[in-house]
Protein backbone atom coordinates (compact mmCIF):
# COMPACT_ATOMS: atom_id res chain seq x y z
CA HIS A 1 0.02 0.04 0.04
CA THR A 2 1.18 3.71 -0.55
CA VAL A 3 -1.64 5.84 0.04
CA GLY A 4 -3.02 4.47 3.43
CA ALA A 5 -5.87 1.92 3.57
CA GLU A 6 -6.52 0.75 -0.12
CA PRO A 7 -9.52 1.31 -1.76
CA PHE A 8 -9.77 -2.42 -3.11
CA CYS A 9 -10.20 -5.68 -0.96
CA SER A 10 -7.54 -8.33 -0.82
CA PRO A 11 -9.06 -10.49 -3.47
CA ILE A 12 -8.26 -8.08 -6.43
CA TYR A 13 -4.44 -8.03 -5.31
CA LEU A 14 -4.42 -11.84 -5.03
CA ASP A 15 -5.57 -12.21 -8.69
CA LEU A 16 -2.54 -10.07 -9.57
CA LEU A 17 0.00 -12.60 -8.23
CA PHE A 18 -0.16 -14.94 -11.14
CA PRO A 19 0.18 -12.50 -14.01
CA LEU A 20 3.06 -11.10 -11.97
CA HIS A 21 4.35 -14.64 -11.84
CA SER A 22 4.18 -15.13 -15.49
CA LEU A 23 5.86 -11.62 -15.97
CA ILE A 24 8.94 -12.85 -13.73
CA ASP A 25 8.99 -16.24 -15.65
CA SER A 26 9.09 -14.54 -18.94
CA LEU A 27 12.19 -12.36 -17.76
CA PHE A 28 14.41 -15.19 -15.93
CA PRO A 29 15.02 -18.99 -16.49
CA ALA A 30 13.63 -20.81 -13.68
CA ARG A 31 17.03 -21.39 -11.99
CA ASP A 32 17.97 -17.62 -12.29
CA ALA A 33 14.44 -16.24 -11.16
CA PRO A 34 15.24 -13.74 -8.03
CA ILE A 35 13.63 -14.58 -4.68
CA LYS A 36 10.97 -11.91 -4.41
CA PRO A 37 8.51 -11.83 -1.46
CA VAL A 38 5.34 -10.40 -2.06
CA ILE A 39 4.03 -8.71 0.98
CA ILE A 40 0.19 -8.42 1.25
CA SER A 41 -1.16 -5.89 3.72
CA ILE A 42 -4.40 -6.75 5.27
CA THR A 43 -6.46 -4.92 7.86
CA GLY A 44 -10.10 -5.14 9.77
CA SER A 45 -11.23 -6.84 12.72
CA PRO A 46 -9.58 -10.06 13.81
CA GLU A 47 -12.18 -12.00 12.26
CA ASP A 48 -11.21 -10.01 8.76
CA ILE A 49 -7.37 -10.88 9.47
CA ILE A 50 -8.21 -14.67 9.82
CA SER A 51 -10.66 -14.45 6.60
CA GLY A 52 -7.86 -12.86 4.58
CA LEU A 53 -5.21 -15.27 5.99
CA GLU A 54 -7.25 -18.17 4.80
CA ARG A 55 -7.67 -16.58 1.33
CA ILE A 56 -3.90 -16.24 1.03
CA SER A 57 -3.27 -19.40 2.50
CA ASN A 58 -4.96 -20.90 -0.38
CA VAL A 59 -3.38 -18.87 -2.97
CA ALA A 60 0.07 -19.66 -1.41
CA GLU A 61 -0.14 -23.01 -2.61
CA GLY A 62 -0.21 -22.22 -6.19
CA VAL A 63 2.49 -19.44 -5.98
CA PRO A 64 6.37 -20.69 -6.87
CA SER A 65 8.96 -20.86 -4.21
CA HIS A 66 10.98 -17.51 -5.81
CA MET A 67 7.84 -15.40 -5.12
CA PRO A 68 7.01 -16.31 -1.30
CA LEU A 69 3.84 -14.56 0.08
CA TRP A 70 4.53 -12.79 3.32
CA VAL A 71 1.65 -10.82 5.22
CA GLU A 72 1.42 -7.50 6.96
CA ILE A 73 -0.99 -6.86 9.84
CA TYR A 74 -1.94 -3.26 9.16
CA LEU A 75 -3.14 -1.73 12.42
CA SER A 76 -1.58 1.90 11.96
CA CYS A 77 -3.45 3.63 9.01
CA PRO A 78 -3.97 7.36 10.08
CA ASN A 79 -6.27 8.19 7.40
CA ILE A 80 -9.48 6.65 8.35
CA PRO A 81 -12.04 9.12 9.92
CA ASP A 82 -12.99 8.46 13.55
CA LYS A 83 -10.71 5.26 13.59
CA PRO A 84 -7.39 6.17 15.51
CA PRO A 85 -4.67 3.55 14.68
CA LEU A 86 -5.47 0.34 16.64
CA ALA A 87 -1.44 -0.16 16.91
CA TYR A 88 -1.61 2.65 19.74
CA GLY A 89 -3.57 0.43 22.08
CA GLY A 90 -1.56 -2.42 23.72
CA ILE A 91 -4.79 -4.46 24.26
CA GLU A 92 -5.79 -4.27 20.57
CA VAL A 93 -2.26 -5.26 19.34
CA THR A 94 -2.39 -8.18 21.91
CA THR A 95 -5.59 -9.37 20.39
CA TYR A 96 -4.47 -9.21 17.03
CA ILE A 97 -1.08 -11.08 17.51
CA HIS A 98 -3.01 -13.76 19.37
CA ALA A 99 -5.36 -14.03 16.56
CA VAL A 100 -2.74 -14.86 13.92
CA ALA A 101 -0.39 -17.01 15.95
CA SER A 102 -1.43 -20.18 14.82
CA TRP A 103 -0.87 -19.27 10.94
CA LYS A 104 2.31 -20.17 9.04
CA GLN A 105 2.90 -17.45 6.56
CA LYS A 106 5.81 -14.94 7.20
CA MET A 107 3.96 -12.18 9.18
CA ASP A 108 5.13 -8.70 9.99
CA TYR A 109 3.37 -5.94 11.89
CA LEU A 110 3.40 -2.42 10.86
CA HIS A 111 3.10 -0.01 13.58
CA PRO A 112 2.61 3.87 13.72
CA PRO A 113 5.37 6.32 15.24
CA TYR A 114 5.77 5.52 18.63
CA THR A 115 6.84 8.50 21.27
CA TYR A 116 6.95 7.25 24.46
CA LEU A 117 8.54 4.05 26.11
CA GLY A 118 5.15 2.57 27.12
CA GLN A 119 4.08 2.09 23.64
CA PHE A 120 7.13 0.12 22.63
CA GLN A 121 6.79 -1.89 25.87
CA ALA A 122 3.15 -2.87 25.12
CA VAL A 123 3.96 -3.96 21.70
CA VAL A 124 7.20 -6.19 22.81
CA GLY A 125 5.16 -7.50 25.54
CA ALA A 126 2.22 -8.68 22.92
CA LEU A 127 4.90 -10.09 20.55
CA ALA A 128 6.46 -12.20 23.60
CA ALA A 129 2.89 -13.79 24.12
CA ALA A 130 3.20 -15.19 20.77
CA SER A 131 6.61 -15.23 19.86
CA ASP A 132 6.37 -17.36 16.84
CA ALA A 133 3.26 -15.18 15.41
CA VAL A 134 5.53 -12.42 13.91
CA ASP A 135 8.64 -12.70 11.80
CA PHE A 136 9.31 -9.06 11.48
CA ILE A 137 8.24 -5.31 12.27
CA ILE A 138 8.02 -2.47 9.88
CA ALA A 139 8.98 0.62 11.66
CA CYS A 140 7.21 2.82 10.87
CA ASN A 141 4.27 4.21 9.28
CA SER A 142 3.59 7.97 8.56
CA LEU A 143 1.36 10.03 11.12
CA GLY A 144 -0.91 10.94 7.92
CA THR A 145 -1.15 12.15 4.29
CA SER A 146 -4.08 14.06 4.17
CA GLN A 147 -3.85 17.40 1.98
CA GLU A 148 -6.45 18.75 4.45
CA ARG A 149 -3.71 18.27 7.47
CA PRO A 150 -0.45 19.79 5.76
CA PHE A 151 1.25 19.76 9.28
CA LEU A 152 1.14 15.92 9.02
CA VAL A 153 2.23 15.69 5.65
CA ALA A 154 5.27 17.21 6.88
CA LEU A 155 6.02 14.63 9.40
CA VAL A 156 6.46 12.39 6.46
CA CYS A 157 9.52 14.33 4.95
CA PRO A 158 13.25 13.66 5.17
CA ARG A 159 13.51 16.26 7.71
CA CYS A 160 11.71 14.40 10.21
CA THR A 161 13.12 11.02 10.08
CA ARG A 162 14.89 11.06 13.30
CA LEU A 163 11.71 9.90 14.82
CA ARG A 164 11.55 6.83 12.50
CA TRP A 165 15.37 6.09 13.65
CA GLU A 166 14.61 6.22 17.28
CA ASN A 167 11.68 3.89 16.59
CA VAL A 168 13.77 1.51 15.00
CA CYS A 169 16.84 1.73 17.60
CA THR A 170 14.25 1.45 20.57
CA LEU A 171 12.47 -1.64 19.13
CA ARG A 172 15.84 -3.25 18.31
CA LYS A 173 17.18 -2.54 21.78
CA LEU A 174 13.87 -4.20 23.60
CA LEU A 175 13.57 -6.90 21.22
CA GLY A 176 17.24 -7.99 22.12
CA GLU A 177 17.00 -7.40 25.76
CA TYR A 178 13.43 -9.31 26.14
CA GLU A 179 13.81 -11.61 29.04
CA SER A 180 15.00 -15.24 27.59
CA GLY A 181 15.70 -13.97 24.35
CA GLU A 182 13.08 -15.43 22.18
CA LEU A 183 12.53 -12.09 20.14
CA ARG A 184 16.13 -11.50 19.30
CA ASP A 185 15.55 -13.01 16.10
CA VAL A 186 12.64 -10.76 14.90
CA GLY A 187 13.51 -8.82 12.24
CA ILE A 188 13.01 -4.86 11.48
CA ILE A 189 12.35 -3.18 8.38
CA GLY A 190 13.42 0.21 8.55
CA VAL A 191 11.28 2.80 6.52
CA GLY A 192 10.39 6.48 6.02
CA GLY A 193 12.56 9.39 5.06
CA VAL A 194 15.28 7.34 3.48
CA CYS A 195 16.32 9.22 0.45
CA ASP A 196 20.12 9.04 0.14
CA GLY A 197 23.17 7.19 1.57
CA LYS A 198 23.35 9.35 4.53
CA THR A 199 19.74 8.39 5.52
CA LEU A 200 20.27 4.75 4.66
CA GLY A 201 23.03 4.33 6.80
CA ALA A 202 21.54 6.05 9.79
CA MET A 203 18.46 3.71 9.20
CA GLN A 204 21.05 0.56 9.30
CA ARG A 205 22.98 1.73 12.28
CA ALA A 206 19.75 2.10 14.42
CA GLY A 207 19.45 -1.56 13.91
CA ALA A 208 17.17 -2.36 10.96
CA ASP A 209 17.94 -5.59 9.00
CA VAL A 210 16.41 -4.20 5.72
CA VAL A 211 15.56 -0.82 4.64
CA GLY A 212 12.56 0.30 2.58
CA VAL A 213 12.63 3.01 -0.12
CA GLY A 214 9.59 4.13 -1.99
CA VAL A 215 8.03 7.77 -1.83
CA GLU A 216 11.18 9.54 -1.20
CA VAL A 217 12.68 8.54 -4.39
CA GLY A 218 9.32 7.80 -6.30
CA VAL A 219 8.48 11.71 -6.30
CA GLY A 220 11.93 12.75 -7.02
CA TRP A 221 12.73 14.65 -3.65
CA CYS A 222 16.12 12.97 -3.77
CA ARG A 223 18.46 10.02 -4.79
CA LEU A 224 19.93 7.27 -3.05
CA SER A 225 23.56 7.91 -4.43
CA GLY A 226 25.95 9.61 -2.40
CA GLY A 227 25.99 10.16 1.20
């Protein structure tokens, strides 16, 4: 997703997987096909999440090994009126993570920007209660993209990436230190504001295992060279 909650439901995106598979096969011999995971983002009530996982599980059986399906539990959309991001509530996060604990797809949790320690501790505690449920965390979503709220749009720009680095850094520290170490292997994908070699390096030093780029490069704000 690139503009908050998508206007289309997951079956539409699942239908795109097989043309995508055919395109990859036409470009690469089978032995040279790159491993390119597809992350499918789903949201809704816990029951909606389970329903989406069932659909994805059925489709995954026909997807080749070089295009594995991963699932993102999207609890952080800031743009739905009167629906604050669920990820700001520790109880809600725990409910969702327990709901998906029995599923075997690689799964991640996309969280909004956190600003105080208790928010991080609630998430880490929820993950510890179902340590096999989540393989990685995406840190972190924006605070909003509505053109009617330009002060929120500003928080997406490269000048405000420090909050994102601190989110990655805090999560990495808490995951690594948690009790018996069962969360040490949970990966972190750092996203947001990465637009050049300097911001890329900062995200990696903060503790991100993988760094995502997209909006910053796509709209031509800057380039990833140099730094």
